[in-house]
């Protein structure tokens, strides 16, 4: 199934060009997996010149970021926006409510082949790079940190940040299977979503860690 018979497409219409590159990238990623798809293959499949992806996105990683924001952003945005608005009016979420908002979309996506591959892409790029070019606020940690800080005002900023890092790392490993080859993604079903949400909620709401004491100096230094 080659791509040589596809007509070459002018690169002038930026929005249309980006949309076509994203559509072909998604098709190739879903069919072959992240590792086996090159920027050259995406350009060829879209009928673009060899520099199209780099011109419109900058890199393969940035292309994946744009694809994930387009496909996954809406799954979180509505619920998280509603939570944020309720918090602004003085309401504070419970740990269970916060965990449920996070886990439900992961669980829903894990039930289809396309969803599992998107989760795999998300895990691959997020776990490999903590400075990705997200421009959708729901893919950043700030809104989630604000919600946890409102729920647990006794935690300092570092504890809030660390708890979210641990929670998201758990979800990405559980649902995204970053180490699995493309043909084995989904071979092992994920845990019951209720158990995952309960585990995440317990971690977010765990007692604050005791303050670290200064290390005792050796006798010779006293």
N, C-alpha and C. Protein backbone atom coordinates (compact mmCIF):
# COMPACT_ATOMS: atom_id res chain seq x y z
N UNK A 1 0.85 -1.20 0.00
CA UNK A 1 0.00 0.00 0.00
C UNK A 1 0.88 1.24 0.00
N UNK A 2 1.37 1.63 -1.14
CA UNK A 2 2.27 2.77 -1.24
C UNK A 2 1.51 4.07 -1.25
N UNK A 3 2.26 5.16 -1.28
CA UNK A 3 1.65 6.49 -1.28
C UNK A 3 2.05 7.27 -2.52
N UNK A 4 2.74 6.63 -3.46
CA UNK A 4 3.24 7.35 -4.61
C UNK A 4 2.13 7.80 -5.55
N UNK A 5 0.95 7.17 -5.47
CA UNK A 5 -0.12 7.55 -6.37
C UNK A 5 -0.95 8.71 -5.83
N UNK A 6 -0.61 9.23 -4.63
CA UNK A 6 -1.36 10.35 -4.07
C UNK A 6 -0.90 11.65 -4.72
N UNK A 7 -1.85 12.55 -5.02
CA UNK A 7 -1.47 13.82 -5.63
C UNK A 7 -0.72 14.69 -4.64
N UNK A 8 0.24 15.43 -5.15
CA UNK A 8 0.96 16.37 -4.31
C UNK A 8 0.04 17.55 -3.99
N UNK A 9 0.08 17.98 -2.74
CA UNK A 9 -0.82 19.04 -2.28
C UNK A 9 -0.01 20.30 -2.01
N UNK A 10 -0.45 21.45 -2.52
CA UNK A 10 0.27 22.69 -2.22
C UNK A 10 0.30 22.94 -0.72
N UNK A 11 1.37 23.54 -0.23
CA UNK A 11 1.53 23.75 1.20
C UNK A 11 1.04 25.12 1.65
N UNK A 12 0.32 25.83 0.81
CA UNK A 12 -0.06 27.20 1.13
C UNK A 12 -1.11 27.34 2.19
N UNK A 13 -2.16 26.54 2.17
CA UNK A 13 -3.27 26.68 3.10
C UNK A 13 -2.88 26.04 4.43
N UNK A 14 -2.40 26.86 5.37
CA UNK A 14 -1.82 26.32 6.60
C UNK A 14 -2.78 25.46 7.39
N UNK A 15 -3.99 25.93 7.65
CA UNK A 15 -4.93 25.17 8.47
C UNK A 15 -5.27 23.84 7.81
N UNK A 16 -5.52 23.89 6.51
CA UNK A 16 -5.87 22.65 5.80
C UNK A 16 -4.68 21.70 5.75
N UNK A 17 -3.50 22.26 5.59
CA UNK A 17 -2.29 21.43 5.55
C UNK A 17 -2.05 20.75 6.89
N UNK A 18 -2.17 21.50 7.97
CA UNK A 18 -2.00 20.93 9.30
C UNK A 18 -3.02 19.82 9.54
N UNK A 19 -4.26 20.09 9.15
CA UNK A 19 -5.32 19.10 9.36
C UNK A 19 -5.02 17.81 8.60
N UNK A 20 -4.52 17.96 7.38
CA UNK A 20 -4.22 16.76 6.59
C UNK A 20 -3.04 15.99 7.19
N UNK A 21 -2.02 16.71 7.61
CA UNK A 21 -0.88 16.05 8.24
C UNK A 21 -1.29 15.33 9.52
N UNK A 22 -2.15 15.96 10.32
CA UNK A 22 -2.61 15.33 11.55
C UNK A 22 -3.44 14.08 11.26
N UNK A 23 -4.30 14.16 10.25
CA UNK A 23 -5.13 13.01 9.90
C UNK A 23 -4.28 11.83 9.44
N UNK A 24 -3.29 12.11 8.59
CA UNK A 24 -2.43 11.03 8.10
C UNK A 24 -1.53 10.49 9.21
N UNK A 25 -1.05 11.39 10.07
CA UNK A 25 -0.23 10.93 11.19
C UNK A 25 -1.02 10.00 12.10
N UNK A 26 -2.25 10.37 12.40
CA UNK A 26 -3.07 9.51 13.26
C UNK A 26 -3.30 8.15 12.61
N UNK A 27 -3.61 8.16 11.32
CA UNK A 27 -3.84 6.90 10.62
C UNK A 27 -2.61 6.01 10.67
N UNK A 28 -1.45 6.59 10.43
CA UNK A 28 -0.21 5.81 10.44
C UNK A 28 0.15 5.33 11.85
N UNK A 29 0.01 6.20 12.83
CA UNK A 29 0.32 5.79 14.21
C UNK A 29 -0.58 4.65 14.65
N UNK A 30 -1.87 4.75 14.33
CA UNK A 30 -2.81 3.71 14.74
C UNK A 30 -2.51 2.39 14.04
N UNK A 31 -2.02 2.46 12.82
CA UNK A 31 -1.76 1.24 12.05
C UNK A 31 -0.40 0.62 12.38
N UNK A 32 0.61 1.48 12.66
CA UNK A 32 1.97 0.97 12.76
C UNK A 32 2.64 1.18 14.12
N UNK A 33 2.09 2.08 14.93
CA UNK A 33 2.73 2.40 16.20
C UNK A 33 3.68 3.59 16.07
N UNK A 34 4.00 4.19 17.20
CA UNK A 34 4.80 5.42 17.22
C UNK A 34 6.19 5.22 16.62
N UNK A 35 6.87 4.16 17.03
CA UNK A 35 8.26 3.97 16.64
C UNK A 35 8.45 3.79 15.14
N UNK A 36 7.51 3.11 14.50
CA UNK A 36 7.69 2.74 13.10
C UNK A 36 7.29 3.84 12.12
N UNK A 37 6.71 4.91 12.62
CA UNK A 37 6.25 5.99 11.74
C UNK A 37 7.28 7.11 11.74
N UNK A 38 7.78 7.45 10.58
CA UNK A 38 8.75 8.53 10.46
C UNK A 38 8.07 9.80 9.96
N UNK A 39 8.73 10.92 10.17
CA UNK A 39 8.23 12.19 9.64
C UNK A 39 8.12 12.11 8.12
N UNK A 40 9.09 11.47 7.49
CA UNK A 40 9.07 11.31 6.03
C UNK A 40 7.80 10.56 5.59
N UNK A 41 7.43 9.52 6.35
CA UNK A 41 6.24 8.74 5.99
C UNK A 41 4.97 9.57 6.12
N UNK A 42 4.89 10.41 7.14
CA UNK A 42 3.72 11.27 7.32
C UNK A 42 3.61 12.26 6.17
N UNK A 43 4.73 12.89 5.82
CA UNK A 43 4.73 13.83 4.70
C UNK A 43 4.29 13.16 3.41
N UNK A 44 4.82 11.98 3.15
CA UNK A 44 4.49 11.27 1.91
C UNK A 44 3.02 10.86 1.89
N UNK A 45 2.52 10.37 3.02
CA UNK A 45 1.12 9.93 3.08
C UNK A 45 0.16 11.09 2.86
N UNK A 46 0.56 12.28 3.32
CA UNK A 46 -0.28 13.46 3.15
C UNK A 46 -0.09 14.13 1.80
N UNK A 47 0.86 13.63 1.00
CA UNK A 47 1.13 14.24 -0.30
C UNK A 47 1.85 15.57 -0.20
N UNK A 48 2.63 15.75 0.87
CA UNK A 48 3.34 17.01 1.09
C UNK A 48 4.82 16.85 0.77
N UNK A 49 5.52 17.98 0.74
CA UNK A 49 6.96 17.91 0.51
C UNK A 49 7.65 17.40 1.78
N UNK A 50 8.91 16.96 1.69
CA UNK A 50 9.58 16.31 2.82
C UNK A 50 9.77 17.18 4.06
N UNK A 51 9.59 18.50 3.92
CA UNK A 51 9.80 19.38 5.07
C UNK A 51 8.49 19.84 5.72
N UNK A 52 7.35 19.31 5.27
CA UNK A 52 6.05 19.84 5.71
C UNK A 52 5.84 19.72 7.22
N UNK A 53 6.10 18.55 7.79
CA UNK A 53 5.89 18.37 9.23
C UNK A 53 6.77 19.33 10.03
N UNK A 54 8.03 19.45 9.65
CA UNK A 54 8.93 20.34 10.38
C UNK A 54 8.51 21.80 10.22
N UNK A 55 7.99 22.16 9.06
CA UNK A 55 7.56 23.55 8.84
C UNK A 55 6.33 23.87 9.68
N UNK A 56 5.35 22.98 9.70
CA UNK A 56 4.08 23.27 10.37
C UNK A 56 4.06 22.91 11.85
N UNK A 57 4.91 21.99 12.29
CA UNK A 57 4.88 21.56 13.68
C UNK A 57 6.23 21.67 14.38
N UNK A 58 7.32 21.51 13.66
CA UNK A 58 8.64 21.63 14.24
C UNK A 58 9.35 20.31 14.47
N UNK A 59 8.60 19.25 14.78
CA UNK A 59 9.20 17.95 15.04
C UNK A 59 8.11 16.89 15.08
N UNK A 60 8.53 15.64 15.07
CA UNK A 60 7.58 14.53 15.22
C UNK A 60 6.88 14.61 16.57
N UNK A 61 7.63 14.94 17.61
CA UNK A 61 7.06 15.04 18.95
C UNK A 61 5.99 16.12 19.02
N UNK A 62 6.26 17.29 18.41
CA UNK A 62 5.28 18.38 18.41
C UNK A 62 4.05 18.01 17.58
N UNK A 63 4.25 17.24 16.53
CA UNK A 63 3.12 16.73 15.74
C UNK A 63 2.21 15.87 16.61
N UNK A 64 2.82 14.99 17.40
CA UNK A 64 2.04 14.12 18.30
C UNK A 64 1.32 14.95 19.35
N UNK A 65 1.98 15.97 19.88
CA UNK A 65 1.34 16.85 20.87
C UNK A 65 0.09 17.49 20.28
N UNK A 66 0.20 18.01 19.06
CA UNK A 66 -0.96 18.63 18.41
C UNK A 66 -2.08 17.63 18.19
N UNK A 67 -1.72 16.42 17.78
CA UNK A 67 -2.72 15.37 17.56
C UNK A 67 -3.42 15.01 18.87
N UNK A 68 -2.66 14.86 19.94
CA UNK A 68 -3.25 14.48 21.22
C UNK A 68 -4.16 15.57 21.76
N UNK A 69 -3.75 16.82 21.62
CA UNK A 69 -4.60 17.91 22.09
C UNK A 69 -5.91 17.94 21.31
N UNK A 70 -5.83 17.70 20.03
CA UNK A 70 -7.03 17.71 19.19
C UNK A 70 -7.98 16.59 19.55
N UNK A 71 -7.44 15.41 19.81
CA UNK A 71 -8.28 14.23 20.01
C UNK A 71 -8.66 14.00 21.47
N UNK A 72 -7.77 14.36 22.40
CA UNK A 72 -8.02 14.05 23.80
C UNK A 72 -8.48 15.25 24.63
N UNK A 73 -8.10 16.45 24.21
CA UNK A 73 -8.45 17.64 24.98
C UNK A 73 -9.92 17.73 25.35
N UNK A 74 -10.84 17.51 24.40
CA UNK A 74 -12.27 17.62 24.73
C UNK A 74 -12.74 16.64 25.80
N UNK A 75 -12.04 15.53 25.98
CA UNK A 75 -12.47 14.54 26.96
C UNK A 75 -12.34 15.04 28.39
N UNK A 76 -11.36 15.91 28.63
CA UNK A 76 -11.14 16.45 29.98
C UNK A 76 -11.74 17.84 30.15
N UNK A 77 -11.78 18.61 29.09
CA UNK A 77 -12.05 20.04 29.21
C UNK A 77 -13.38 20.35 29.89
N UNK A 78 -14.46 19.67 29.49
CA UNK A 78 -15.77 19.99 30.04
C UNK A 78 -15.86 19.77 31.54
N UNK A 79 -15.46 18.58 31.99
CA UNK A 79 -15.54 18.27 33.42
C UNK A 79 -14.61 19.15 34.24
N UNK A 80 -13.40 19.36 33.73
CA UNK A 80 -12.44 20.16 34.49
C UNK A 80 -12.86 21.62 34.54
N UNK A 81 -13.43 22.13 33.45
CA UNK A 81 -13.92 23.51 33.46
C UNK A 81 -15.04 23.67 34.47
N UNK A 82 -15.94 22.69 34.52
CA UNK A 82 -17.04 22.75 35.50
C UNK A 82 -16.50 22.72 36.93
N UNK A 83 -15.49 21.88 37.17
CA UNK A 83 -14.88 21.83 38.49
C UNK A 83 -14.24 23.17 38.86
N UNK A 84 -13.53 23.75 37.90
CA UNK A 84 -12.85 25.02 38.15
C UNK A 84 -13.85 26.12 38.49
N UNK A 85 -14.96 26.16 37.76
CA UNK A 85 -15.98 27.17 38.00
C UNK A 85 -16.64 26.97 39.37
N UNK A 86 -16.88 25.73 39.75
CA UNK A 86 -17.47 25.46 41.07
C UNK A 86 -16.50 25.85 42.19
N UNK A 87 -15.21 25.59 41.97
CA UNK A 87 -14.21 25.98 42.97
C UNK A 87 -14.17 27.50 43.14
N UNK A 88 -14.32 28.21 42.02
CA UNK A 88 -14.29 29.67 42.08
C UNK A 88 -15.45 30.22 42.91
N UNK A 89 -16.53 29.45 43.01
CA UNK A 89 -17.68 29.89 43.80
C UNK A 89 -17.59 29.45 45.26
N UNK A 90 -16.47 28.80 45.63
CA UNK A 90 -16.26 28.42 47.01
C UNK A 90 -16.37 26.94 47.31
N UNK A 91 -16.75 26.15 46.32
CA UNK A 91 -16.88 24.71 46.52
C UNK A 91 -15.51 24.04 46.39
N UNK A 92 -15.29 22.99 47.18
CA UNK A 92 -14.03 22.25 47.13
C UNK A 92 -14.30 20.81 46.75
N UNK A 93 -13.60 20.26 45.74
CA UNK A 93 -13.85 18.88 45.34
C UNK A 93 -13.35 17.89 46.38
N UNK A 94 -13.97 16.74 46.42
CA UNK A 94 -13.46 15.65 47.27
C UNK A 94 -12.38 14.90 46.50
N UNK A 95 -11.53 14.16 47.19
CA UNK A 95 -10.52 13.36 46.48
C UNK A 95 -11.15 12.40 45.48
N UNK A 96 -12.28 11.80 45.84
CA UNK A 96 -12.93 10.84 44.94
C UNK A 96 -13.43 11.53 43.68
N UNK A 97 -13.98 12.73 43.81
CA UNK A 97 -14.48 13.46 42.64
C UNK A 97 -13.32 13.83 41.71
N UNK A 98 -12.24 14.28 42.30
CA UNK A 98 -11.08 14.68 41.50
C UNK A 98 -10.49 13.47 40.78
N UNK A 99 -10.36 12.36 41.48
CA UNK A 99 -9.80 11.15 40.86
C UNK A 99 -10.70 10.63 39.76
N UNK A 100 -12.01 10.69 39.98
CA UNK A 100 -12.96 10.19 38.98
C UNK A 100 -12.86 10.98 37.68
N UNK A 101 -12.72 12.29 37.81
CA UNK A 101 -12.59 13.15 36.62
C UNK A 101 -11.38 12.74 35.79
N UNK A 102 -10.30 12.37 36.44
CA UNK A 102 -9.07 12.02 35.73
C UNK A 102 -9.16 10.62 35.13
N UNK A 103 -9.66 9.68 35.91
CA UNK A 103 -9.59 8.27 35.50
C UNK A 103 -10.60 7.92 34.41
N UNK A 104 -11.81 8.49 34.47
CA UNK A 104 -12.86 8.09 33.53
C UNK A 104 -12.44 8.16 32.07
N UNK A 105 -11.83 9.27 31.61
CA UNK A 105 -11.43 9.33 30.20
C UNK A 105 -10.37 8.29 29.84
N UNK A 106 -9.43 8.04 30.73
CA UNK A 106 -8.42 7.01 30.47
C UNK A 106 -9.09 5.65 30.29
N UNK A 107 -10.01 5.34 31.19
CA UNK A 107 -10.69 4.04 31.12
C UNK A 107 -11.52 3.92 29.84
N UNK A 108 -12.23 4.99 29.48
CA UNK A 108 -13.06 4.95 28.27
C UNK A 108 -12.19 4.74 27.02
N UNK A 109 -11.08 5.45 26.95
CA UNK A 109 -10.19 5.31 25.79
C UNK A 109 -9.59 3.92 25.70
N UNK A 110 -9.33 3.31 26.85
CA UNK A 110 -8.67 2.00 26.85
C UNK A 110 -9.55 0.89 26.31
N UNK A 111 -10.82 1.18 26.04
CA UNK A 111 -11.76 0.16 25.58
C UNK A 111 -11.81 0.02 24.06
N UNK A 112 -11.10 0.89 23.34
CA UNK A 112 -11.06 0.78 21.88
C UNK A 112 -9.61 0.76 21.40
N UNK A 113 -9.38 0.17 20.23
CA UNK A 113 -8.02 0.09 19.70
C UNK A 113 -7.46 1.49 19.42
N UNK A 114 -8.29 2.36 18.83
CA UNK A 114 -7.83 3.71 18.54
C UNK A 114 -7.50 4.45 19.84
N UNK A 115 -8.37 4.31 20.84
CA UNK A 115 -8.12 4.97 22.11
C UNK A 115 -6.86 4.48 22.79
N UNK A 116 -6.62 3.18 22.73
CA UNK A 116 -5.40 2.63 23.35
C UNK A 116 -4.15 3.16 22.68
N UNK A 117 -4.18 3.31 21.36
CA UNK A 117 -3.00 3.84 20.68
C UNK A 117 -2.79 5.31 21.03
N UNK A 118 -3.87 6.09 21.15
CA UNK A 118 -3.72 7.48 21.55
C UNK A 118 -3.14 7.58 22.97
N UNK A 119 -3.58 6.72 23.86
CA UNK A 119 -3.01 6.70 25.21
C UNK A 119 -1.54 6.30 25.18
N UNK A 120 -1.20 5.38 24.30
CA UNK A 120 0.19 4.96 24.15
C UNK A 120 1.05 6.13 23.67
N UNK A 121 0.55 6.88 22.70
CA UNK A 121 1.27 8.06 22.22
C UNK A 121 1.44 9.08 23.35
N UNK A 122 0.36 9.29 24.11
CA UNK A 122 0.42 10.24 25.22
C UNK A 122 1.49 9.82 26.22
N UNK A 123 1.50 8.55 26.58
CA UNK A 123 2.50 8.06 27.54
C UNK A 123 3.91 8.21 27.00
N UNK A 124 4.09 7.88 25.73
CA UNK A 124 5.44 7.94 25.15
C UNK A 124 6.00 9.36 25.18
N UNK A 125 5.20 10.34 24.80
CA UNK A 125 5.74 11.69 24.71
C UNK A 125 5.82 12.36 26.08
N UNK A 126 4.85 12.12 26.96
CA UNK A 126 4.84 12.79 28.26
C UNK A 126 5.91 12.23 29.19
N UNK A 127 6.04 10.91 29.24
CA UNK A 127 7.02 10.32 30.15
C UNK A 127 8.45 10.54 29.67
N UNK A 128 8.60 10.85 28.39
CA UNK A 128 9.94 11.06 27.86
C UNK A 128 10.39 12.51 27.83
N UNK A 129 9.47 13.45 28.14
CA UNK A 129 9.82 14.86 28.02
C UNK A 129 8.85 15.68 28.87
N UNK A 130 9.36 16.39 29.87
CA UNK A 130 8.47 17.18 30.73
C UNK A 130 8.32 18.61 30.26
N UNK A 131 8.86 18.95 29.09
CA UNK A 131 8.74 20.30 28.55
C UNK A 131 8.19 20.24 27.12
N UNK A 132 6.95 19.84 27.03
CA UNK A 132 6.31 19.70 25.73
C UNK A 132 5.55 20.97 25.36
N UNK A 133 5.38 21.23 24.06
CA UNK A 133 4.74 22.49 23.64
C UNK A 133 3.22 22.45 23.70
N UNK A 134 2.65 22.15 24.88
CA UNK A 134 1.19 22.17 25.01
C UNK A 134 0.69 23.60 24.92
N UNK A 135 -0.40 23.83 24.22
CA UNK A 135 -1.05 25.14 24.29
C UNK A 135 -2.49 25.03 24.77
N UNK A 136 -2.94 23.82 25.05
CA UNK A 136 -4.24 23.58 25.67
C UNK A 136 -4.02 23.54 27.18
N UNK A 137 -4.67 24.44 27.96
CA UNK A 137 -4.39 24.51 29.40
C UNK A 137 -4.67 23.22 30.15
N UNK A 138 -5.56 22.38 29.61
CA UNK A 138 -5.91 21.16 30.34
C UNK A 138 -4.81 20.10 30.26
N UNK A 139 -3.83 20.31 29.38
CA UNK A 139 -2.71 19.38 29.32
C UNK A 139 -1.56 19.84 30.20
N UNK A 140 -1.70 21.01 30.80
CA UNK A 140 -0.69 21.50 31.72
C UNK A 140 -1.07 21.08 33.14
N UNK A 141 -0.13 21.13 34.05
CA UNK A 141 -0.40 20.71 35.42
C UNK A 141 -1.07 21.79 36.25
N UNK A 142 -0.97 23.04 35.81
CA UNK A 142 -1.45 24.14 36.66
C UNK A 142 -2.90 24.00 37.10
N UNK A 143 -3.88 23.75 36.21
CA UNK A 143 -5.27 23.65 36.68
C UNK A 143 -5.47 22.53 37.69
N UNK A 144 -4.78 21.42 37.49
CA UNK A 144 -4.91 20.29 38.41
C UNK A 144 -4.28 20.63 39.77
N UNK A 145 -3.16 21.32 39.74
CA UNK A 145 -2.52 21.71 41.00
C UNK A 145 -3.41 22.65 41.80
N UNK A 146 -4.06 23.57 41.10
CA UNK A 146 -4.94 24.52 41.79
C UNK A 146 -6.10 23.80 42.46
N UNK A 147 -6.64 22.79 41.80
CA UNK A 147 -7.74 22.03 42.40
C UNK A 147 -7.29 21.26 43.64
N UNK A 148 -6.11 20.64 43.56
CA UNK A 148 -5.61 19.90 44.71
C UNK A 148 -5.24 20.85 45.85
N UNK A 149 -4.67 21.99 45.52
CA UNK A 149 -4.31 22.97 46.55
C UNK A 149 -5.55 23.47 47.28
N UNK A 150 -6.66 23.62 46.55
CA UNK A 150 -7.90 24.05 47.20
C UNK A 150 -8.44 22.96 48.11
N UNK A 151 -8.26 21.71 47.70
CA UNK A 151 -8.75 20.58 48.48
C UNK A 151 -7.88 20.32 49.70
N UNK A 152 -6.55 20.54 49.55
CA UNK A 152 -5.60 20.25 50.63
C UNK A 152 -4.71 21.47 50.88
N UNK A 153 -5.26 22.50 51.52
CA UNK A 153 -4.45 23.71 51.76
C UNK A 153 -3.27 23.48 52.69
N UNK A 154 -3.24 22.32 53.37
CA UNK A 154 -2.12 22.04 54.27
C UNK A 154 -0.87 21.60 53.51
N UNK A 155 -1.00 21.28 52.23
CA UNK A 155 0.15 20.83 51.45
C UNK A 155 0.88 22.03 50.86
N UNK A 156 2.21 21.97 50.86
CA UNK A 156 2.95 23.05 50.21
C UNK A 156 3.00 22.80 48.70
N UNK A 157 3.51 23.78 47.96
CA UNK A 157 3.48 23.72 46.50
C UNK A 157 4.24 22.51 45.97
N UNK A 158 5.34 22.17 46.62
CA UNK A 158 6.12 21.02 46.15
C UNK A 158 5.35 19.72 46.33
N UNK A 159 4.68 19.56 47.46
CA UNK A 159 3.90 18.34 47.69
C UNK A 159 2.77 18.22 46.68
N UNK A 160 2.10 19.33 46.39
CA UNK A 160 1.03 19.32 45.39
C UNK A 160 1.58 18.89 44.04
N UNK A 161 2.70 19.48 43.65
CA UNK A 161 3.32 19.14 42.37
C UNK A 161 3.72 17.67 42.33
N UNK A 162 4.35 17.18 43.38
CA UNK A 162 4.81 15.79 43.40
C UNK A 162 3.66 14.80 43.35
N UNK A 163 2.58 15.10 44.05
CA UNK A 163 1.44 14.16 44.05
C UNK A 163 0.82 14.05 42.66
N UNK A 164 0.73 15.18 41.96
CA UNK A 164 0.19 15.09 40.61
C UNK A 164 1.14 14.36 39.67
N UNK A 165 2.41 14.59 39.82
CA UNK A 165 3.38 13.86 38.98
C UNK A 165 3.24 12.36 39.19
N UNK A 166 3.11 11.95 40.43
CA UNK A 166 2.96 10.52 40.73
C UNK A 166 1.65 9.98 40.19
N UNK A 167 0.57 10.75 40.35
CA UNK A 167 -0.74 10.29 39.87
C UNK A 167 -0.75 10.13 38.36
N UNK A 168 -0.24 11.12 37.65
CA UNK A 168 -0.25 11.03 36.19
C UNK A 168 0.71 9.97 35.68
N UNK A 169 1.85 9.81 36.34
CA UNK A 169 2.77 8.75 35.93
C UNK A 169 2.11 7.38 36.07
N UNK A 170 1.39 7.18 37.17
CA UNK A 170 0.67 5.92 37.37
C UNK A 170 -0.33 5.68 36.24
N UNK A 171 -1.12 6.70 35.91
CA UNK A 171 -2.15 6.54 34.88
C UNK A 171 -1.54 6.31 33.51
N UNK A 172 -0.46 7.02 33.20
CA UNK A 172 0.17 6.85 31.89
C UNK A 172 0.79 5.46 31.75
N UNK A 173 1.40 4.96 32.80
CA UNK A 173 1.96 3.61 32.74
C UNK A 173 0.85 2.56 32.68
N UNK A 174 -0.22 2.77 33.45
CA UNK A 174 -1.29 1.78 33.52
C UNK A 174 -2.07 1.70 32.21
N UNK A 175 -2.45 2.85 31.68
CA UNK A 175 -3.30 2.87 30.49
C UNK A 175 -2.53 3.07 29.19
N UNK A 176 -1.38 3.74 29.26
CA UNK A 176 -0.64 4.04 28.03
C UNK A 176 0.35 2.98 27.61
N UNK A 177 0.75 2.12 28.53
CA UNK A 177 1.68 1.02 28.22
C UNK A 177 2.87 1.49 27.37
N UNK A 178 3.66 2.43 27.87
CA UNK A 178 4.71 3.03 27.05
C UNK A 178 5.79 2.06 26.59
N UNK A 179 5.97 0.94 27.28
CA UNK A 179 7.02 -0.01 26.90
C UNK A 179 6.50 -1.14 26.01
N UNK A 180 5.21 -1.18 25.77
CA UNK A 180 4.64 -2.28 24.99
C UNK A 180 4.85 -2.06 23.50
N UNK A 181 5.19 -3.11 22.73
CA UNK A 181 5.23 -2.98 21.28
C UNK A 181 3.82 -2.75 20.75
N UNK A 182 3.71 -2.17 19.57
CA UNK A 182 2.41 -1.77 19.04
C UNK A 182 1.43 -2.93 18.97
N UNK A 183 1.92 -4.13 18.64
CA UNK A 183 1.00 -5.27 18.49
C UNK A 183 0.61 -5.91 19.82
N UNK A 184 1.13 -5.38 20.93
CA UNK A 184 0.78 -5.94 22.25
C UNK A 184 0.01 -4.94 23.12
N UNK A 185 -0.24 -3.76 22.59
CA UNK A 185 -0.98 -2.77 23.37
C UNK A 185 -2.41 -3.27 23.59
N UNK A 186 -2.83 -3.30 24.84
CA UNK A 186 -4.17 -3.78 25.16
C UNK A 186 -4.26 -5.27 25.38
N UNK A 187 -3.15 -5.98 25.26
CA UNK A 187 -3.18 -7.44 25.45
C UNK A 187 -3.56 -7.80 26.88
N UNK A 188 -3.15 -6.97 27.82
CA UNK A 188 -3.51 -7.18 29.23
C UNK A 188 -4.51 -6.08 29.62
N UNK A 189 -5.74 -6.44 29.97
CA UNK A 189 -6.74 -5.42 30.31
C UNK A 189 -6.30 -4.59 31.50
N UNK A 190 -6.65 -3.31 31.53
CA UNK A 190 -6.30 -2.48 32.69
C UNK A 190 -7.11 -2.89 33.91
N UNK A 191 -6.69 -2.45 35.10
CA UNK A 191 -7.45 -2.76 36.31
C UNK A 191 -8.85 -2.13 36.27
N UNK A 192 -9.71 -2.57 37.16
CA UNK A 192 -11.03 -1.98 37.32
C UNK A 192 -10.87 -0.47 37.57
N UNK A 193 -11.59 0.34 36.80
CA UNK A 193 -11.45 1.79 36.91
C UNK A 193 -11.78 2.29 38.32
N UNK A 194 -12.69 1.61 39.00
CA UNK A 194 -13.03 2.03 40.37
C UNK A 194 -11.85 1.85 41.31
N UNK A 195 -11.08 0.79 41.10
CA UNK A 195 -9.90 0.56 41.93
C UNK A 195 -8.81 1.58 41.61
N UNK A 196 -8.66 1.89 40.32
CA UNK A 196 -7.66 2.89 39.92
C UNK A 196 -8.01 4.24 40.54
N UNK A 197 -9.28 4.64 40.44
CA UNK A 197 -9.71 5.93 40.99
C UNK A 197 -9.53 5.96 42.51
N UNK A 198 -9.84 4.86 43.17
CA UNK A 198 -9.68 4.81 44.63
C UNK A 198 -8.21 4.94 45.01
N UNK A 199 -7.33 4.31 44.23
CA UNK A 199 -5.89 4.37 44.49
C UNK A 199 -5.37 5.80 44.29
N UNK A 200 -5.80 6.43 43.20
CA UNK A 200 -5.37 7.81 42.92
C UNK A 200 -5.88 8.75 44.00
N UNK A 201 -7.15 8.60 44.38
CA UNK A 201 -7.72 9.46 45.42
C UNK A 201 -6.97 9.32 46.73
N UNK A 202 -6.61 8.08 47.08
CA UNK A 202 -5.88 7.86 48.33
C UNK A 202 -4.51 8.54 48.29
N UNK A 203 -3.85 8.50 47.14
CA UNK A 203 -2.55 9.15 47.03
C UNK A 203 -2.65 10.66 47.10
N UNK A 204 -3.64 11.23 46.43
CA UNK A 204 -3.81 12.68 46.45
C UNK A 204 -4.15 13.18 47.86
N UNK A 205 -4.89 12.36 48.61
CA UNK A 205 -5.38 12.80 49.91
C UNK A 205 -4.58 12.21 51.08
N UNK A 206 -3.43 11.62 50.80
CA UNK A 206 -2.62 11.03 51.88
C UNK A 206 -2.17 12.11 52.86
N UNK A 207 -1.89 11.73 54.10
CA UNK A 207 -1.38 12.72 55.07
C UNK A 207 -0.09 13.36 54.55
N UNK A 208 0.10 14.59 54.93
CA UNK A 208 1.33 15.29 54.52
C UNK A 208 2.54 14.56 55.09
N UNK A 209 3.59 14.48 54.29
CA UNK A 209 4.82 13.83 54.75
C UNK A 209 5.45 14.67 55.86
N UNK A 210 6.04 14.02 56.86
CA UNK A 210 6.69 14.79 57.93
C UNK A 210 7.87 15.58 57.37
N UNK A 211 8.12 16.71 57.97
CA UNK A 211 9.25 17.53 57.52
C UNK A 211 10.55 16.77 57.68
N UNK A 212 11.41 16.89 56.68
CA UNK A 212 12.70 16.20 56.74
C UNK A 212 13.59 16.86 57.78
N UNK A 213 14.21 16.05 58.60
CA UNK A 213 15.14 16.60 59.59
C UNK A 213 16.53 16.71 58.98
N UNK A 214 17.31 17.63 59.48
CA UNK A 214 18.67 17.81 58.97
C UNK A 214 19.50 16.57 59.31
N UNK A 215 20.33 16.10 58.39
CA UNK A 215 21.16 14.92 58.68
C UNK A 215 22.14 15.20 59.81
N UNK A 216 22.28 14.22 60.67
CA UNK A 216 23.19 14.38 61.82
C UNK A 216 24.64 14.34 61.34
N UNK A 217 25.43 15.28 61.82
CA UNK A 217 26.84 15.33 61.42
C UNK A 217 27.65 14.27 62.14
N UNK A 218 28.67 13.74 61.49
CA UNK A 218 29.56 12.78 62.17
C UNK A 218 30.20 13.43 63.39
N UNK A 219 30.57 12.66 64.40
CA UNK A 219 31.17 13.22 65.63
C UNK A 219 32.36 14.12 65.37
N UNK A 220 33.20 13.79 64.39
CA UNK A 220 34.41 14.57 64.14
C UNK A 220 34.09 15.99 63.69
N UNK A 221 32.87 16.20 63.16
CA UNK A 221 32.52 17.52 62.64
C UNK A 221 31.77 18.36 63.67
N UNK A 222 31.46 17.77 64.83
CA UNK A 222 30.70 18.51 65.84
C UNK A 222 31.57 19.52 66.57
